[in-house]
């Protein structure tokens, strides 16, 4: 019985190979050697007892330049914050390659191809340009259809499409199958809150999201700790679950103060990321004539109410601070003074009254000043606002706030009192027209309605308004209404929806 060995090689090479082979085994039991002529293909028939040299010619794998696509909003450069791969690593489609940061949000770049990383074009903290290569990926030939040049360029895409670049409030964790399911249903993973371990997005999370969008009814899922959205309370099903929730409410990571290092040398570094955005915003704010107004609020009744509701909120997995009450009271006030929830065009010829109350909260983070906002406060309860604030504060502490969280604000509150201080002079964030700064809550002596000296929980508030369209009387009346809601929290019940 003979063995048929197919060898592909140039004709000259095959002639030398076969001649040397026959010469070496001239005294062996080689019985027959014949050649079957084919274009660039030759066959050698020999005895079964011999080992024969076998060669094959494989086409080189194409190496593709994976370029940084347009991530929208006119962003032309980003800072590479972290690499998730190194040269030589194997990657699959949807695997995370790196995290980049623009002056608006953090973006996780994922792979389009299966293959091996052959080159990283940037170091950490380097500036990457839109349209320029990020990495070289060696791919299987089957992944490339047509000339390589046709697939090297990563096309720019609209923000409405789900692409391999996802702008997120946090790093999404999901299997390729889950990501593909999201793509097939045109769902952005940044809109999904995972219920799996460490926030991993599961298939059930995608299906539940689809059900909420379409109104379909799915079978009830097992109890999970409340995670936004949706901000709906779920009662614990077992005593063990209740005990777990009470003992381990979600907490915001405490920032670690780094030990100062004295080098004795001057150094210069470029302004980039969120700091660059702050420079642009403050330069625009200088064009606005600010009107300031200050007052104080007696929060004694609110302090008592919050202490009664705090444990109930924690049993539902939510930390309840005073900010949800401040934000809701502001929204109720904006219903009466809609001009404070408006914007002015660049030529100062038109005022746009915003229907949504997207109230921002200025946050001090390791990346600088960030102002995420709670969307549609006019439609949310105090508890739902607290749920959303928990999410934003957690993401802010981790430096993972996304574009959707940081844009679209219509009114802002700055809780500077959480750090210290009483009064401030807040700067308006264009295109908004008003902002409030909240001081720290102090226990001070005050007179009650009987003329007796009592302990009161006093907080100072500082307002700034765009004096081009807002007069002092309007700002004062809004402040009085806002204060009345907080000094008499029960009055908010009449206007809650």
Protein backbone atom coordinates (compact mmCIF):
# COMPACT_ATOMS: atom_id res chain seq x y z
CA UNK A 1 0.00 0.00 0.00
CA UNK A 2 1.46 3.37 -0.92
CA UNK A 3 1.26 6.77 0.64
CA UNK A 4 0.35 9.79 -1.45
CA UNK A 5 2.14 12.95 -0.35
CA UNK A 6 1.18 16.25 -1.95
CA UNK A 7 3.92 18.84 -2.11
CA UNK A 8 3.46 22.43 -3.27
CA UNK A 9 6.58 24.41 -4.20
CA UNK A 10 8.33 26.10 -7.12
CA UNK A 11 9.47 23.69 -9.85
CA UNK A 12 13.22 24.31 -9.40
CA UNK A 13 13.00 23.69 -5.67
CA UNK A 14 11.06 20.45 -6.16
CA UNK A 15 13.57 19.16 -8.70
CA UNK A 16 16.48 19.63 -6.30
CA UNK A 17 14.52 18.17 -3.39
CA UNK A 18 13.49 15.01 -5.20
CA UNK A 19 16.96 14.45 -6.68
CA UNK A 20 18.58 14.65 -3.26
CA UNK A 21 15.93 12.40 -1.81
CA UNK A 22 16.41 9.69 -4.44
CA UNK A 23 20.18 9.84 -4.09
CA UNK A 24 20.01 9.37 -0.31
CA UNK A 25 17.75 6.34 -0.54
CA UNK A 26 19.19 4.72 -3.67
CA UNK A 27 20.00 1.50 -1.72
CA UNK A 28 16.75 1.37 0.13
CA UNK A 29 13.62 -0.53 -0.68
CA UNK A 30 12.20 2.32 -2.59
CA UNK A 31 10.09 0.69 -5.26
CA UNK A 32 8.61 3.40 -7.40
CA UNK A 33 8.84 7.11 -7.85
CA UNK A 34 6.64 8.91 -10.27
CA UNK A 35 5.44 12.44 -10.77
CA UNK A 36 1.96 13.52 -11.60
CA UNK A 37 2.11 16.83 -13.35
CA UNK A 38 -0.20 19.60 -12.09
CA UNK A 39 0.18 23.34 -12.18
CA UNK A 40 2.54 24.04 -9.23
CA UNK A 41 1.63 20.65 -7.67
CA UNK A 42 3.57 17.35 -7.63
CA UNK A 43 2.89 13.90 -6.15
CA UNK A 44 5.42 11.35 -4.92
CA UNK A 45 4.48 7.69 -4.47
CA UNK A 46 6.77 5.65 -2.19
CA UNK A 47 6.82 2.64 0.14
CA UNK A 48 4.84 2.85 3.31
CA UNK A 49 7.84 1.98 5.53
CA UNK A 50 9.71 5.23 4.82
CA UNK A 51 9.30 8.69 6.42
CA UNK A 52 8.97 11.30 3.74
CA UNK A 53 9.60 15.04 3.79
CA UNK A 54 6.32 16.98 3.56
CA UNK A 55 6.06 20.72 2.89
CA UNK A 56 3.22 23.13 2.36
CA UNK A 57 3.01 26.75 1.31
CA UNK A 58 0.78 28.95 3.53
CA UNK A 59 -0.18 32.49 2.68
CA UNK A 60 1.00 35.11 5.18
CA UNK A 61 -1.67 36.36 7.58
CA UNK A 62 -2.72 39.95 6.89
CA UNK A 63 -1.75 42.53 9.51
CA UNK A 64 -4.42 45.21 9.85
CA UNK A 65 -4.00 48.66 11.31
CA UNK A 66 -6.86 49.12 13.76
CA UNK A 67 -7.55 52.84 13.68
CA UNK A 68 -9.26 55.08 16.21
CA UNK A 69 -12.70 55.85 14.83
CA UNK A 70 -14.58 59.09 15.22
CA UNK A 71 -16.21 58.95 18.67
CA UNK A 72 -18.45 61.94 18.02
CA UNK A 73 -18.97 65.46 19.38
CA UNK A 74 -16.04 66.85 17.39
CA UNK A 75 -13.43 64.97 19.42
CA UNK A 76 -10.20 64.73 17.44
CA UNK A 77 -7.79 63.47 20.10
CA UNK A 78 -7.92 61.36 23.24
CA UNK A 79 -5.54 60.28 25.98
CA UNK A 80 -4.67 56.60 26.27
CA UNK A 81 -5.36 55.81 29.94
CA UNK A 82 -4.84 52.03 30.05
CA UNK A 83 -3.92 49.13 27.77
CA UNK A 84 -5.73 45.83 28.31
CA UNK A 85 -3.45 43.96 25.86
CA UNK A 86 0.24 43.76 25.04
CA UNK A 87 2.15 42.77 21.94
CA UNK A 88 1.73 39.06 21.20
CA UNK A 89 -1.62 38.73 23.01
CA UNK A 90 -4.45 36.91 21.27
CA UNK A 91 -7.72 38.83 21.01
CA UNK A 92 -11.21 38.04 19.82
CA UNK A 93 -13.96 40.27 18.55
CA UNK A 94 -15.39 42.57 21.25
CA UNK A 95 -12.39 42.02 23.56
CA UNK A 96 -11.30 45.24 25.26
CA UNK A 97 -8.10 46.67 23.80
CA UNK A 98 -7.63 49.92 25.69
CA UNK A 99 -9.38 52.73 27.52
CA UNK A 100 -9.07 56.28 26.23
CA UNK A 101 -10.29 59.54 27.69
CA UNK A 102 -11.48 62.63 25.90
CA UNK A 103 -12.39 65.95 27.46
CA UNK A 104 -15.95 64.63 27.80
CA UNK A 105 -15.87 60.97 28.79
CA UNK A 106 -13.97 57.72 29.06
CA UNK A 107 -14.24 55.31 26.12
CA UNK A 108 -13.36 51.62 25.98
CA UNK A 109 -12.07 50.47 22.58
CA UNK A 110 -12.85 46.87 21.64
CA UNK A 111 -11.47 44.70 18.85
CA UNK A 112 -13.13 44.23 15.50
CA UNK A 113 -11.13 41.12 14.64
CA UNK A 114 -9.85 37.80 15.93
CA UNK A 115 -6.07 37.67 15.86
CA UNK A 116 -2.82 38.61 17.58
CA UNK A 117 -1.63 42.03 18.70
CA UNK A 118 1.57 42.84 16.82
CA UNK A 119 2.15 46.51 17.68
CA UNK A 120 0.91 49.16 20.12
CA UNK A 121 1.25 52.65 18.70
CA UNK A 122 0.95 54.65 21.95
CA UNK A 123 2.19 54.55 25.51
CA UNK A 124 -0.05 55.19 28.52
CA UNK A 125 -0.93 58.91 28.89
CA UNK A 126 0.01 59.56 25.25
CA UNK A 127 -2.29 61.51 22.93
CA UNK A 128 -3.98 59.38 20.25
CA UNK A 129 -5.48 61.03 17.17
CA UNK A 130 -8.77 60.09 15.53
CA UNK A 131 -8.14 58.28 12.25
CA UNK A 132 -4.64 57.15 13.21
CA UNK A 133 -3.68 53.53 14.06
CA UNK A 134 -4.02 52.31 17.64
CA UNK A 135 -2.72 48.77 17.19
CA UNK A 136 -1.69 46.31 14.49
CA UNK A 137 -3.67 43.05 14.55
CA UNK A 138 -2.54 39.93 12.69
CA UNK A 139 -5.75 38.28 11.53
CA UNK A 140 -6.87 35.13 9.78
CA UNK A 141 -7.06 35.51 6.03
CA UNK A 142 -10.74 34.55 6.07
CA UNK A 143 -11.64 37.65 8.06
CA UNK A 144 -10.51 39.95 5.26
CA UNK A 145 -12.65 40.14 2.12
CA UNK A 146 -11.16 41.89 -0.87
CA UNK A 147 -7.98 43.96 -0.83
CA UNK A 148 -6.49 44.67 2.56
CA UNK A 149 -6.73 48.42 2.00
CA UNK A 150 -10.50 48.14 1.94
CA UNK A 151 -10.68 46.83 5.49
CA UNK A 152 -7.83 48.66 7.18
CA UNK A 153 -9.72 51.92 7.57
CA UNK A 154 -12.18 51.89 10.45
CA UNK A 155 -15.11 53.97 9.21
CA UNK A 156 -16.59 56.79 11.24
CA UNK A 157 -20.00 55.95 12.62
CA UNK A 158 -22.89 57.92 14.00
CA UNK A 159 -23.47 58.05 17.73
CA UNK A 160 -26.81 56.35 17.31
CA UNK A 161 -25.25 53.14 16.04
CA UNK A 162 -23.91 50.41 18.26
CA UNK A 163 -20.26 49.97 17.31
CA UNK A 164 -17.11 48.38 18.63
CA UNK A 165 -16.43 51.61 20.48
CA UNK A 166 -18.88 52.10 23.29
CA UNK A 167 -19.05 55.33 25.28
CA UNK A 168 -19.98 54.17 28.74
CA UNK A 169 -20.62 55.32 32.23
CA UNK A 170 -18.37 52.47 33.27
CA UNK A 171 -16.41 49.62 31.81
CA UNK A 172 -18.99 47.14 30.58
CA UNK A 173 -18.32 43.50 31.29
CA UNK A 174 -20.09 41.05 29.02
CA UNK A 175 -19.37 37.92 27.03
CA UNK A 176 -19.11 38.13 23.23
CA UNK A 177 -22.48 36.38 22.94
CA UNK A 178 -24.14 39.03 25.11
CA UNK A 179 -22.45 41.83 23.15
CA UNK A 180 -23.62 40.31 19.88
CA UNK A 181 -27.18 40.08 21.24
CA UNK A 182 -27.01 43.76 22.10
CA UNK A 183 -25.71 44.61 18.62
CA UNK A 184 -28.44 42.62 16.91
CA UNK A 185 -31.08 44.56 18.85
CA UNK A 186 -29.30 47.93 18.38
CA UNK A 187 -28.80 48.35 22.13
CA UNK A 188 -25.90 50.25 23.66
CA UNK A 189 -24.32 48.38 26.56
CA UNK A 190 -23.79 51.73 28.29
CA UNK A 191 -27.57 51.84 28.83
CA UNK A 192 -27.65 48.46 30.58
CA UNK A 193 -26.88 47.88 34.25
CA UNK A 194 -25.50 44.39 34.78
CA UNK A 195 -26.81 42.17 37.54
CA UNK A 196 -24.01 39.63 37.32
CA UNK A 197 -20.86 39.42 39.41
CA UNK A 198 -18.95 42.73 39.52
CA UNK A 199 -21.64 44.35 37.38
CA UNK A 200 -21.28 41.91 34.48
CA UNK A 201 -24.06 42.22 31.92
CA UNK A 202 -25.99 38.99 31.46
CA UNK A 203 -28.27 37.80 28.68
CA UNK A 204 -31.22 38.29 31.02
CA UNK A 205 -30.31 41.96 31.45
CA UNK A 206 -30.52 42.49 27.69
CA UNK A 207 -33.86 40.66 27.47
CA UNK A 208 -35.28 42.61 30.39
CA UNK A 209 -34.19 45.87 28.77
CA UNK A 210 -35.90 44.86 25.52
CA UNK A 211 -39.02 43.95 27.45
CA UNK A 212 -39.15 47.36 29.12
CA UNK A 213 -38.77 49.08 25.76
CA UNK A 214 -41.46 47.01 24.05
CA UNK A 215 -43.81 46.56 27.00
CA UNK A 216 -43.44 42.78 26.97
CA UNK A 217 -43.92 40.86 30.21
CA UNK A 218 -41.18 38.45 31.22
CA UNK A 219 -41.26 35.89 34.03
CA UNK A 220 -40.12 37.36 37.36
CA UNK A 221 -36.39 37.04 37.96
CA UNK A 222 -34.88 36.08 41.30
CA UNK A 223 -34.27 38.92 43.75
CA UNK A 224 -31.28 41.10 43.01
CA UNK A 225 -29.94 44.03 44.96
CA UNK A 226 -31.40 47.24 43.58
CA UNK A 227 -29.30 48.71 40.82
CA UNK A 228 -30.34 51.62 38.61
CA UNK A 229 -32.00 51.78 36.19
CA UNK A 230 -34.88 51.23 36.66
CA UNK A 231 -35.05 52.84 40.11
CA UNK A 232 -37.64 50.43 41.47
CA UNK A 233 -37.54 48.93 44.94
CA UNK A 234 -37.56 45.15 45.26
CA UNK A 235 -38.39 43.63 48.59
CA UNK A 236 -36.07 40.94 49.95
CA UNK A 237 -37.49 37.48 49.55
CA UNK A 238 -35.74 35.84 52.49
CA UNK A 239 -34.60 36.89 55.98
CA UNK A 240 -31.01 36.15 54.92
CA UNK A 241 -31.33 38.58 52.05
CA UNK A 242 -32.73 41.23 54.39
CA UNK A 243 -29.85 40.79 56.79
CA UNK A 244 -27.33 41.00 53.95
CA UNK A 245 -28.83 44.24 52.63
CA UNK A 246 -28.94 45.89 56.04
CA UNK A 247 -25.37 45.04 56.87
CA UNK A 248 -23.83 45.88 53.52
CA UNK A 249 -25.37 48.98 51.88
CA UNK A 250 -23.52 50.28 48.85
CA UNK A 251 -20.84 52.74 49.78
CA UNK A 252 -18.91 55.32 47.82
CA UNK A 253 -15.17 54.58 47.83
CA UNK A 254 -13.24 56.90 50.12
CA UNK A 255 -10.51 58.68 48.17
CA UNK A 256 -7.02 57.84 49.32
CA UNK A 257 -4.84 60.89 49.96
CA UNK A 258 -1.48 60.22 48.28
CA UNK A 259 1.72 60.97 50.17
CA UNK A 260 3.29 64.14 48.77
CA UNK A 261 6.59 63.69 46.97
CA UNK A 262 9.08 66.60 46.88
CA UNK A 263 11.31 66.51 43.82
CA UNK A 264 12.84 69.97 43.97
CA UNK A 265 12.44 70.42 40.19
CA UNK A 266 9.94 72.32 38.07
CA UNK A 267 7.98 70.27 35.60
CA UNK A 268 5.51 71.10 32.85
CA UNK A 269 2.68 68.93 31.63
CA UNK A 270 -0.03 69.58 29.02
CA UNK A 271 -3.61 70.40 29.93
CA UNK A 272 -5.73 67.51 28.71
CA UNK A 273 -8.82 65.42 29.37
CA UNK A 274 -11.47 66.83 31.66
CA UNK A 275 -9.17 69.66 32.71
CA UNK A 276 -9.11 70.92 29.13
CA UNK A 277 -12.91 70.84 29.06
CA UNK A 278 -12.98 72.89 32.26
CA UNK A 279 -10.72 75.52 30.67
CA UNK A 280 -13.08 75.87 27.69
CA UNK A 281 -16.18 76.03 29.89
CA UNK A 282 -14.79 78.65 32.23
CA UNK A 283 -13.63 80.84 29.34
CA UNK A 284 -17.17 80.74 27.99
CA UNK A 285 -18.56 81.47 31.46
CA UNK A 286 -16.49 84.69 31.64
CA UNK A 287 -18.77 86.15 28.95
CA UNK A 288 -21.80 85.83 31.25
CA UNK A 289 -22.64 88.70 33.65
CA UNK A 290 -23.23 86.89 36.96
CA UNK A 291 -25.81 88.02 39.50
CA UNK A 292 -25.22 86.63 43.00
CA UNK A 293 -27.72 86.02 45.78
CA UNK A 294 -27.16 84.38 49.20
CA UNK A 295 -29.47 83.12 51.94
CA UNK A 296 -29.68 80.54 54.70
CA UNK A 297 -31.95 77.54 55.19
CA UNK A 298 -33.16 75.96 58.43
CA UNK A 299 -33.03 72.22 57.73
CA UNK A 300 -34.09 71.04 61.21
CA UNK A 301 -37.29 69.34 59.98
CA UNK A 302 -35.52 67.86 56.95
CA UNK A 303 -32.77 66.45 59.18
CA UNK A 304 -35.42 64.68 61.24
CA UNK A 305 -37.25 63.37 58.17
CA UNK A 306 -34.08 62.09 56.57
CA UNK A 307 -33.05 60.25 59.74
CA UNK A 308 -36.41 58.44 59.70
CA UNK A 309 -36.10 57.43 56.02
CA UNK A 310 -32.37 56.62 56.01
CA UNK A 311 -32.68 53.08 57.38
CA UNK A 312 -35.59 52.31 55.04
CA UNK A 313 -33.56 53.42 52.04
CA UNK A 314 -30.58 51.35 53.18
CA UNK A 315 -32.80 48.30 53.48
CA UNK A 316 -33.50 48.80 49.78
CA UNK A 317 -29.80 49.07 49.02
CA UNK A 318 -29.63 52.86 48.57
CA UNK A 319 -27.72 55.48 50.53
CA UNK A 320 -30.01 58.46 51.24
CA UNK A 321 -28.30 61.83 51.61
CA UNK A 322 -29.78 65.34 51.66
CA UNK A 323 -29.02 65.94 47.98
CA UNK A 324 -32.11 64.12 46.61
CA UNK A 325 -34.29 66.52 48.64
CA UNK A 326 -32.31 69.56 47.44
CA UNK A 327 -32.57 68.40 43.83
CA UNK A 328 -36.29 67.62 44.00
CA UNK A 329 -37.04 70.94 45.67
CA UNK A 330 -35.14 72.71 42.89
CA UNK A 331 -37.18 70.88 40.26
CA UNK A 332 -40.43 71.88 41.95
CA UNK A 333 -39.20 75.47 41.97
CA UNK A 334 -38.27 75.35 38.30
CA UNK A 335 -41.88 74.45 37.46
CA UNK A 336 -42.83 77.91 38.77
CA UNK A 337 -39.79 79.72 37.32
CA UNK A 338 -39.05 77.99 34.00
CA UNK A 339 -36.71 80.76 32.85
CA UNK A 340 -34.13 79.39 35.30
CA UNK A 341 -34.25 76.11 33.33
CA UNK A 342 -33.57 77.72 29.97
CA UNK A 343 -30.65 78.51 27.66
CA UNK A 344 -29.67 81.58 25.68
CA UNK A 345 -28.25 81.39 22.16
CA UNK A 346 -24.87 82.88 21.26
CA UNK A 347 -26.39 85.98 19.66
CA UNK A 348 -28.65 86.60 22.68
CA UNK A 349 -31.71 86.69 20.43
CA UNK A 350 -33.59 83.53 21.52
CA UNK A 351 -34.37 81.79 24.81
CA UNK A 352 -35.03 78.05 24.79
CA UNK A 353 -37.12 76.80 27.72
CA UNK A 354 -36.08 73.23 28.53
CA UNK A 355 -38.86 70.74 29.15
CA UNK A 356 -36.63 68.31 31.06
CA UNK A 357 -35.15 69.15 34.44
CA UNK A 358 -31.69 67.62 34.03
CA UNK A 359 -30.16 68.82 37.28
CA UNK A 360 -26.40 68.53 37.56
CA UNK A 361 -24.34 67.86 40.66
CA UNK A 362 -20.80 69.25 40.70
CA UNK A 363 -18.39 66.54 41.88
CA UNK A 364 -14.81 66.77 43.02
CA UNK A 365 -13.03 63.73 41.59
CA UNK A 366 -9.45 62.59 41.06
CA UNK A 367 -9.85 63.74 37.45
CA UNK A 368 -10.99 67.23 38.43
CA UNK A 369 -14.38 68.93 38.47
CA UNK A 370 -17.11 66.84 36.83
CA UNK A 371 -20.80 67.72 36.62
CA UNK A 372 -22.99 64.71 35.83
CA UNK A 373 -26.71 65.29 35.86
CA UNK A 374 -29.83 63.44 36.90
CA UNK A 375 -32.15 63.28 33.91
CA UNK A 376 -35.86 64.23 34.06
CA UNK A 377 -35.98 65.04 37.76
CA UNK A 378 -39.52 66.40 37.28
CA UNK A 379 -40.66 62.79 36.74
CA UNK A 380 -38.68 61.15 39.56
CA UNK A 381 -39.42 60.57 43.22
CA UNK A 382 -36.93 61.45 45.96
CA UNK A 383 -36.00 57.78 46.24
CA UNK A 384 -35.47 57.43 42.49
CA UNK A 385 -33.21 60.49 42.55
CA UNK A 386 -31.23 58.90 45.39
CA UNK A 387 -30.77 55.72 43.34
CA UNK A 388 -29.43 57.69 40.39
CA UNK A 389 -27.14 59.77 42.60
CA UNK A 390 -25.67 56.59 44.09
CA UNK A 391 -24.84 55.42 40.59
CA UNK A 392 -23.31 58.73 39.49
CA UNK A 393 -21.25 59.14 42.65
CA UNK A 394 -19.87 55.61 42.37
CA UNK A 395 -18.91 56.12 38.74
CA UNK A 396 -17.46 59.55 39.50
CA UNK A 397 -15.24 58.15 42.25
CA UNK A 398 -13.99 55.48 39.82
CA UNK A 399 -13.46 57.98 36.98
CA UNK A 400 -15.91 56.15 34.73
CA UNK A 401 -18.62 58.72 34.02
CA UNK A 402 -19.77 58.60 30.42
CA UNK A 403 -20.84 61.21 27.91
CA UNK A 404 -24.55 60.56 28.52
CA UNK A 405 -24.09 61.37 32.22
CA UNK A 406 -22.02 64.51 31.65
CA UNK A 407 -24.04 66.23 28.93
CA UNK A 408 -27.52 67.67 28.62
CA UNK A 409 -27.66 69.47 31.98
CA UNK A 410 -30.15 72.34 32.39
CA UNK A 411 -29.57 73.48 36.02
CA UNK A 412 -26.78 72.79 38.49
CA UNK A 413 -26.24 72.48 42.25
CA UNK A 414 -22.74 72.40 43.75
CA UNK A 415 -22.47 70.73 47.15
CA UNK A 416 -19.27 72.51 48.15
CA UNK A 417 -20.30 72.14 51.79
CA UNK A 418 -19.43 68.44 51.70
CA UNK A 419 -15.80 69.59 51.71
CA UNK A 420 -16.17 72.77 53.75
CA UNK A 421 -17.20 76.39 53.68
CA UNK A 422 -20.47 78.25 54.00
CA UNK A 423 -20.88 80.76 51.16
CA UNK A 424 -19.43 80.56 47.66
CA UNK A 425 -19.56 82.31 44.31
CA UNK A 426 -20.54 79.55 41.86
CA UNK A 427 -19.78 79.96 38.15
CA UNK A 428 -22.55 79.26 35.66
CA UNK A 429 -21.97 76.34 33.27
CA UNK A 430 -22.98 77.46 29.75
CA UNK A 431 -25.46 77.05 28.17
CA UNK A 432 -27.24 76.97 31.55
CA UNK A 433 -28.39 80.23 33.13
CA UNK A 434 -28.34 79.50 36.87
CA UNK A 435 -26.40 77.53 39.49
CA UNK A 436 -26.54 77.11 43.27
CA UNK A 437 -23.76 76.33 45.76
CA UNK A 438 -24.67 74.62 49.03
CA UNK A 439 -22.63 75.20 52.18
CA UNK A 440 -22.07 72.83 55.05
CA UNK A 441 -24.84 72.14 57.56
CA UNK A 442 -24.06 73.70 60.95
CA UNK A 443 -25.84 73.46 64.30
CA UNK A 444 -26.34 77.09 65.34
CA UNK A 445 -28.54 78.94 67.83
CA UNK A 446 -31.72 80.45 66.41
CA UNK A 447 -34.96 81.84 67.77
CA UNK A 448 -38.13 79.79 67.37
CA UNK A 449 -41.63 81.20 66.88
CA UNK A 450 -41.95 81.65 70.66
CA UNK A 451 -38.79 83.70 70.86
CA UNK A 452 -36.84 80.90 72.55
CA UNK A 453 -33.26 80.11 71.63
CA UNK A 454 -33.06 76.62 70.09
CA UNK A 455 -30.55 74.52 68.18
CA UNK A 456 -31.10 74.69 64.44
CA UNK A 457 -29.47 72.96 61.52
CA UNK A 458 -28.49 75.86 59.26
CA UNK A 459 -27.18 75.65 55.71
CA UNK A 460 -26.15 78.59 53.55
CA UNK A 461 -26.95 78.71 49.86
CA UNK A 462 -25.34 80.88 47.17
CA UNK A 463 -27.01 81.43 43.80
CA UNK A 464 -25.59 82.78 40.55
CA UNK A 465 -27.82 83.72 37.61
CA UNK A 466 -27.29 85.02 34.09
CA UNK A 467 -28.17 88.69 34.56
CA UNK A 468 -28.80 89.14 30.83
CA UNK A 469 -32.17 87.39 31.12
CA UNK A 470 -32.73 86.81 34.86
CA UNK A 471 -33.33 89.69 37.25
CA UNK A 472 -32.67 89.71 40.96
CA UNK A 473 -36.33 89.47 41.94
CA UNK A 474 -36.81 86.23 39.98
CA UNK A 475 -33.76 84.65 41.58
CA UNK A 476 -34.91 85.76 45.03
CA UNK A 477 -38.45 84.37 44.59
CA UNK A 478 -37.12 81.05 43.32
CA UNK A 479 -34.78 80.82 46.31
CA UNK A 480 -37.61 81.57 48.73
CA UNK A 481 -39.76 78.83 47.21
CA UNK A 482 -36.88 76.34 47.26
CA UNK A 483 -36.19 77.18 50.90
CA UNK A 484 -39.84 76.78 51.85
CA UNK A 485 -39.89 73.23 50.46
CA UNK A 486 -36.82 72.28 52.49
CA UNK A 487 -37.86 74.00 55.72
CA UNK A 488 -41.28 72.33 55.50
CA UNK A 489 -40.65 69.00 53.74
CA UNK A 490 -44.29 67.96 54.15
CA UNK A 491 -45.26 70.75 51.74
CA UNK A 492 -43.41 68.95 48.97
CA UNK A 493 -45.98 66.17 49.13
CA UNK A 494 -48.64 68.48 47.67
CA UNK A 495 -46.62 69.04 44.49
CA UNK A 496 -45.02 65.63 44.05
CA UNK A 497 -46.14 63.62 41.02
